[in-house]
Structures are given as structure tokens and as C-alpha cells.
Amino acid sequence: MKKFICFITLFFASTSFAEQLHNFKQIESAVSEGKLIRILVNYEKCTPLSTQKMVGNHYAVFTPNAMAIGNDGNIGTYVLYFTLQDPHYPSKAVYQHGNYIISKDNSITITFTTLNAADYTQMGTSITINCKIDDSAKVFVNQQDQLMKSDPTKSVELQTSYTFNKG
């Protein structure tokens, strides 16, 4: 029973709520303030801009480590990850590079490029899709992240709530 109560307490202490951002201006504001955002993409609802068909996940969530607002006003970020599960190259070690451009027209253009894991050379052609914010792509800002930045006393309270269960 004691472990169950500790688990429930830990669960509620670690739960965070996310606020959805509905347009470029809200996203730009969150990025400019250094807030942590998450991007949820429903690939089936996105429009392909390249001839190669995208195969793989239906949904993906990406939390960028870094984002940049370019001279053109667009917001850019990327993800690079290792996989053995690329459907175009089954059981082959590859890196997948995803370049995300969030544009003022409330769209996110994503270009995926597969790279050879041994030497980072491009394999095949890139796949580009366009996703509309609030339809095929949803962007969220983490409320817990906002809380911790705005009120340091609550940050300490949240951090110390994780230390009670030592065994």
C-alpha cells in the first residue's frame, strides 16, 4: 500500500499540462521567451511535396533542443537520430535527419533525409511534407516549464517532490 501511495504521489507530482499554440505568432513568442515546445505531427494529414512516398509512423512527437528564428522570420529546428527501422533500408544502420521549418503562413515544412550511419552520405532522395498548424501539426508549450520559469518557489517544490521515494 505504501508503494502504491508513493507511486500515485509521484505520478501527480510529475504530471504536467501543455497549452496548445495555434499560430505562428504564438509559437514565435514562446520560442523568443525560451519556452520548451513540443511538435505533434499526424503524417497522414500532411501534404507530400516530393515524389517519394513517406512510409512509417502515423504520428510523432518532437521536442526540439534548440530552435532559431532566421533572418527570413521563419523558425527552424532539426532532429537527427539513429535507427535500424527505416522501411526504405530494412535492417541497415542509418541516421534520419528531419529539418523542420515553421513558417508565417501557419505551416510546418518537414524534410526527411536518410544518411548512411558509417559516413553520413545521403541515401536516396529526401522526402518533404507540408503540415498545417492546428490540423496535421499541433504545437504545445509545456505548462510545467512555464510554471518553473515564472515562480522559482514552485520549481523547488516540484523538484523536491521527486526525492521522497528512496526504496
Foldseek 3Di string as FASTA:
>chain_A
DVVVVLVVLLVVLPDWDKDWDFADVSVVVCVVVVFWKKKKFQVVQWAWPDDDDDDDDRIDMDTFPHWDQDPVRKIKGKDKDWDCPRPVRHNAIWIKIWIWIQDRVQKIKIKIWIAHPVPRDTDDDIIIIIGHEPPRMIMITIVVRVVCVPDVVVVVVSVVSVPPDDD
